[in-house]
Amino acid sequence: MARRRFWAFLLTMLALDAVMLVAIPFVVPPDPTARLMVFAAVLATIPALAFWLAYRGGFERLGVWSPEVESEDSADDE
């Protein structure tokens, strides 16, 4: 179970990083200093958000994913 949560944490971080790197230039003015400050703030908060989602039950609360639930493939194997 810990390995599933680690992979969920890692994939969540990568996905949030990709989304924010694409979205920030559309939201923040073209000032380089402003963009740098927003990128730094977002990149500092993404690990905390990914940790909450993967390890503190965030995905379960949102009803998206639960590591305790076996997938259908592994249930069919037994």
N, C-alpha and C. Protein backbone atom coordinates (compact mmCIF):
# COMPACT_ATOMS: atom_id res chain seq x y z
N MET A 1 0.82 -1.19 0.00
CA MET A 1 0.00 0.00 0.00
C MET A 1 0.86 1.26 0.00
N ALA A 2 1.97 1.23 0.69
CA ALA A 2 2.84 2.40 0.73
C ALA A 2 3.40 2.71 -0.64
N ARG A 3 3.68 1.66 -1.42
CA ARG A 3 4.21 1.87 -2.76
C ARG A 3 3.15 2.52 -3.66
N ARG A 4 1.88 2.13 -3.52
CA ARG A 4 0.81 2.74 -4.30
C ARG A 4 0.67 4.22 -3.96
N ARG A 5 0.75 4.52 -2.68
CA ARG A 5 0.62 5.92 -2.27
C ARG A 5 1.81 6.74 -2.76
N PHE A 6 3.02 6.15 -2.76
CA PHE A 6 4.18 6.87 -3.26
C PHE A 6 4.02 7.19 -4.75
N TRP A 7 3.56 6.19 -5.53
CA TRP A 7 3.37 6.44 -6.96
C TRP A 7 2.26 7.45 -7.19
N ALA A 8 1.22 7.42 -6.38
CA ALA A 8 0.16 8.42 -6.49
C ALA A 8 0.70 9.80 -6.18
N PHE A 9 1.56 9.89 -5.14
CA PHE A 9 2.18 11.17 -4.79
C PHE A 9 3.05 11.68 -5.93
N LEU A 10 3.88 10.82 -6.48
CA LEU A 10 4.79 11.21 -7.54
C LEU A 10 4.04 11.64 -8.80
N LEU A 11 3.06 10.86 -9.21
CA LEU A 11 2.29 11.20 -10.41
C LEU A 11 1.46 12.46 -10.21
N THR A 12 0.94 12.65 -9.01
CA THR A 12 0.19 13.87 -8.71
C THR A 12 1.09 15.08 -8.80
N MET A 13 2.29 14.98 -8.25
CA MET A 13 3.23 16.10 -8.33
C MET A 13 3.58 16.43 -9.78
N LEU A 14 3.88 15.42 -10.57
CA LEU A 14 4.22 15.65 -11.97
C LEU A 14 3.05 16.25 -12.75
N ALA A 15 1.85 15.75 -12.50
CA ALA A 15 0.68 16.27 -13.21
C ALA A 15 0.39 17.72 -12.82
N LEU A 16 0.46 18.02 -11.53
CA LEU A 16 0.22 19.40 -11.09
C LEU A 16 1.29 20.34 -11.60
N ASP A 17 2.55 19.89 -11.63
CA ASP A 17 3.62 20.71 -12.18
C ASP A 17 3.36 21.03 -13.65
N ALA A 18 2.99 20.02 -14.42
CA ALA A 18 2.73 20.23 -15.84
C ALA A 18 1.56 21.18 -16.07
N VAL A 19 0.49 20.99 -15.31
CA VAL A 19 -0.68 21.86 -15.46
C VAL A 19 -0.33 23.30 -15.10
N MET A 20 0.39 23.49 -14.02
CA MET A 20 0.73 24.85 -13.60
C MET A 20 1.73 25.52 -14.54
N LEU A 21 2.67 24.77 -15.06
CA LEU A 21 3.63 25.36 -15.99
C LEU A 21 2.96 25.82 -17.28
N VAL A 22 1.86 25.19 -17.64
CA VAL A 22 1.10 25.62 -18.82
C VAL A 22 0.13 26.74 -18.46
N ALA A 23 -0.50 26.68 -17.31
CA ALA A 23 -1.55 27.63 -16.95
C ALA A 23 -1.03 28.98 -16.48
N ILE A 24 0.09 28.99 -15.78
CA ILE A 24 0.58 30.25 -15.19
C ILE A 24 0.85 31.33 -16.23
N PRO A 25 1.47 31.05 -17.36
CA PRO A 25 1.69 32.13 -18.33
C PRO A 25 0.40 32.77 -18.84
N PHE A 26 -0.71 32.05 -18.81
CA PHE A 26 -1.97 32.63 -19.25
C PHE A 26 -2.62 33.50 -18.18
N VAL A 27 -2.26 33.29 -16.93
CA VAL A 27 -2.91 33.99 -15.82
C VAL A 27 -2.10 35.18 -15.32
N VAL A 28 -0.77 35.04 -15.30
CA VAL A 28 0.11 36.06 -14.74
C VAL A 28 0.53 37.03 -15.84
N PRO A 29 0.63 38.32 -15.51
CA PRO A 29 1.10 39.29 -16.51
C PRO A 29 2.50 38.93 -17.03
N PRO A 30 2.88 39.46 -18.19
CA PRO A 30 4.14 39.06 -18.80
C PRO A 30 5.39 39.63 -18.13
N ASP A 31 5.28 40.13 -16.94
CA ASP A 31 6.45 40.62 -16.20
C ASP A 31 7.27 39.43 -15.72
N PRO A 32 8.56 39.35 -16.06
CA PRO A 32 9.38 38.19 -15.66
C PRO A 32 9.48 38.01 -14.15
N THR A 33 9.56 39.10 -13.40
CA THR A 33 9.67 39.00 -11.95
C THR A 33 8.39 38.42 -11.35
N ALA A 34 7.25 38.86 -11.84
CA ALA A 34 5.97 38.34 -11.34
C ALA A 34 5.84 36.86 -11.65
N ARG A 35 6.21 36.48 -12.85
CA ARG A 35 6.12 35.06 -13.22
C ARG A 35 7.05 34.21 -12.37
N LEU A 36 8.25 34.70 -12.13
CA LEU A 36 9.20 33.95 -11.31
C LEU A 36 8.67 33.77 -9.89
N MET A 37 8.10 34.82 -9.33
CA MET A 37 7.56 34.73 -7.97
C MET A 37 6.37 33.77 -7.91
N VAL A 38 5.51 33.79 -8.92
CA VAL A 38 4.35 32.88 -8.93
C VAL A 38 4.82 31.44 -9.14
N PHE A 39 5.76 31.23 -10.06
CA PHE A 39 6.30 29.88 -10.26
C PHE A 39 6.91 29.33 -8.97
N ALA A 40 7.68 30.17 -8.27
CA ALA A 40 8.31 29.72 -7.02
C ALA A 40 7.25 29.37 -5.98
N ALA A 41 6.23 30.20 -5.86
CA ALA A 41 5.18 29.93 -4.87
C ALA A 41 4.41 28.66 -5.22
N VAL A 42 4.10 28.47 -6.47
CA VAL A 42 3.35 27.29 -6.89
C VAL A 42 4.19 26.03 -6.72
N LEU A 43 5.45 26.09 -7.14
CA LEU A 43 6.31 24.92 -7.02
C LEU A 43 6.61 24.57 -5.56
N ALA A 44 6.49 25.54 -4.67
CA ALA A 44 6.67 25.26 -3.24
C ALA A 44 5.42 24.63 -2.61
N THR A 45 4.24 24.94 -3.16
CA THR A 45 3.02 24.40 -2.57
C THR A 45 2.57 23.08 -3.19
N ILE A 46 3.03 22.77 -4.40
CA ILE A 46 2.60 21.53 -5.06
C ILE A 46 2.98 20.28 -4.26
N PRO A 47 4.20 20.16 -3.71
CA PRO A 47 4.49 18.96 -2.91
C PRO A 47 3.55 18.80 -1.70
N ALA A 48 3.20 19.89 -1.06
CA ALA A 48 2.27 19.80 0.08
C ALA A 48 0.89 19.35 -0.37
N LEU A 49 0.41 19.88 -1.48
CA LEU A 49 -0.89 19.48 -2.00
C LEU A 49 -0.88 18.01 -2.43
N ALA A 50 0.18 17.59 -3.11
CA ALA A 50 0.29 16.19 -3.54
C ALA A 50 0.38 15.26 -2.33
N PHE A 51 1.10 15.67 -1.29
CA PHE A 51 1.18 14.87 -0.07
C PHE A 51 -0.19 14.72 0.58
N TRP A 52 -0.93 15.81 0.66
CA TRP A 52 -2.27 15.75 1.24
C TRP A 52 -3.17 14.82 0.43
N LEU A 53 -3.11 14.93 -0.90
CA LEU A 53 -3.96 14.09 -1.74
C LEU A 53 -3.60 12.61 -1.62
N ALA A 54 -2.31 12.29 -1.62
CA ALA A 54 -1.88 10.89 -1.65
C ALA A 54 -1.85 10.24 -0.27
N TYR A 55 -1.34 10.95 0.74
CA TYR A 55 -1.11 10.32 2.04
C TYR A 55 -2.13 10.67 3.12
N ARG A 56 -2.80 11.78 3.00
CA ARG A 56 -3.73 12.21 4.05
C ARG A 56 -5.20 12.02 3.69
N GLY A 57 -5.47 11.24 2.66
CA GLY A 57 -6.85 10.91 2.33
C GLY A 57 -7.56 11.92 1.45
N GLY A 58 -6.83 12.74 0.77
CA GLY A 58 -7.46 13.73 -0.11
C GLY A 58 -8.19 13.11 -1.28
N PHE A 59 -7.57 12.10 -1.89
CA PHE A 59 -8.24 11.42 -3.00
C PHE A 59 -9.49 10.70 -2.53
N GLU A 60 -9.43 10.10 -1.35
CA GLU A 60 -10.59 9.40 -0.82
C GLU A 60 -11.72 10.37 -0.52
N ARG A 61 -11.39 11.53 0.04
CA ARG A 61 -12.41 12.53 0.36
C ARG A 61 -13.07 13.07 -0.91
N LEU A 62 -12.27 13.19 -1.97
CA LEU A 62 -12.82 13.66 -3.24
C LEU A 62 -13.55 12.55 -3.99
N GLY A 63 -13.39 11.32 -3.54
CA GLY A 63 -14.04 10.19 -4.19
C GLY A 63 -13.39 9.79 -5.50
N VAL A 64 -12.11 10.08 -5.64
CA VAL A 64 -11.41 9.81 -6.90
C VAL A 64 -10.71 8.47 -6.89
N TRP A 65 -10.01 8.15 -5.80
CA TRP A 65 -9.16 6.96 -5.78
C TRP A 65 -8.92 6.55 -4.34
N SER A 66 -8.80 5.25 -4.12
CA SER A 66 -8.48 4.73 -2.80
C SER A 66 -7.50 3.57 -2.96
N PRO A 67 -6.35 3.61 -2.30
CA PRO A 67 -5.38 2.53 -2.45
C PRO A 67 -5.81 1.23 -1.78
N GLU A 68 -6.78 1.29 -0.88
CA GLU A 68 -7.23 0.08 -0.21
C GLU A 68 -8.12 -0.77 -1.11
N VAL A 69 -8.74 -0.17 -2.09
CA VAL A 69 -9.64 -0.90 -2.97
C VAL A 69 -8.81 -1.61 -4.03
N GLU A 70 -9.01 -2.92 -4.12
CA GLU A 70 -8.28 -3.71 -5.11
C GLU A 70 -8.82 -3.37 -6.49
N SER A 71 -7.95 -3.41 -7.48
CA SER A 71 -8.40 -3.19 -8.84
C SER A 71 -9.12 -4.43 -9.34
N GLU A 72 -9.89 -4.28 -10.40
CA GLU A 72 -10.65 -5.41 -10.93
C GLU A 72 -9.74 -6.49 -11.48
N ASP A 73 -8.59 -6.08 -12.04
CA ASP A 73 -7.66 -7.06 -12.60
C ASP A 73 -7.11 -7.99 -11.53
N SER A 74 -6.72 -7.46 -10.37
CA SER A 74 -6.18 -8.31 -9.32
C SER A 74 -7.27 -9.16 -8.68
N ALA A 75 -8.51 -8.69 -8.65
CA ALA A 75 -9.60 -9.48 -8.09
C ALA A 75 -9.94 -10.65 -9.01
N ASP A 76 -9.77 -10.47 -10.32
CA ASP A 76 -10.06 -11.55 -11.26
C ASP A 76 -9.01 -12.63 -11.20
N ASP A 77 -7.78 -12.30 -10.82
CA ASP A 77 -6.70 -13.27 -10.77
C ASP A 77 -6.89 -14.27 -9.65
N GLU A 78 -7.57 -13.90 -8.59
CA GLU A 78 -7.71 -14.78 -7.43
C GLU A 78 -8.81 -15.79 -7.62
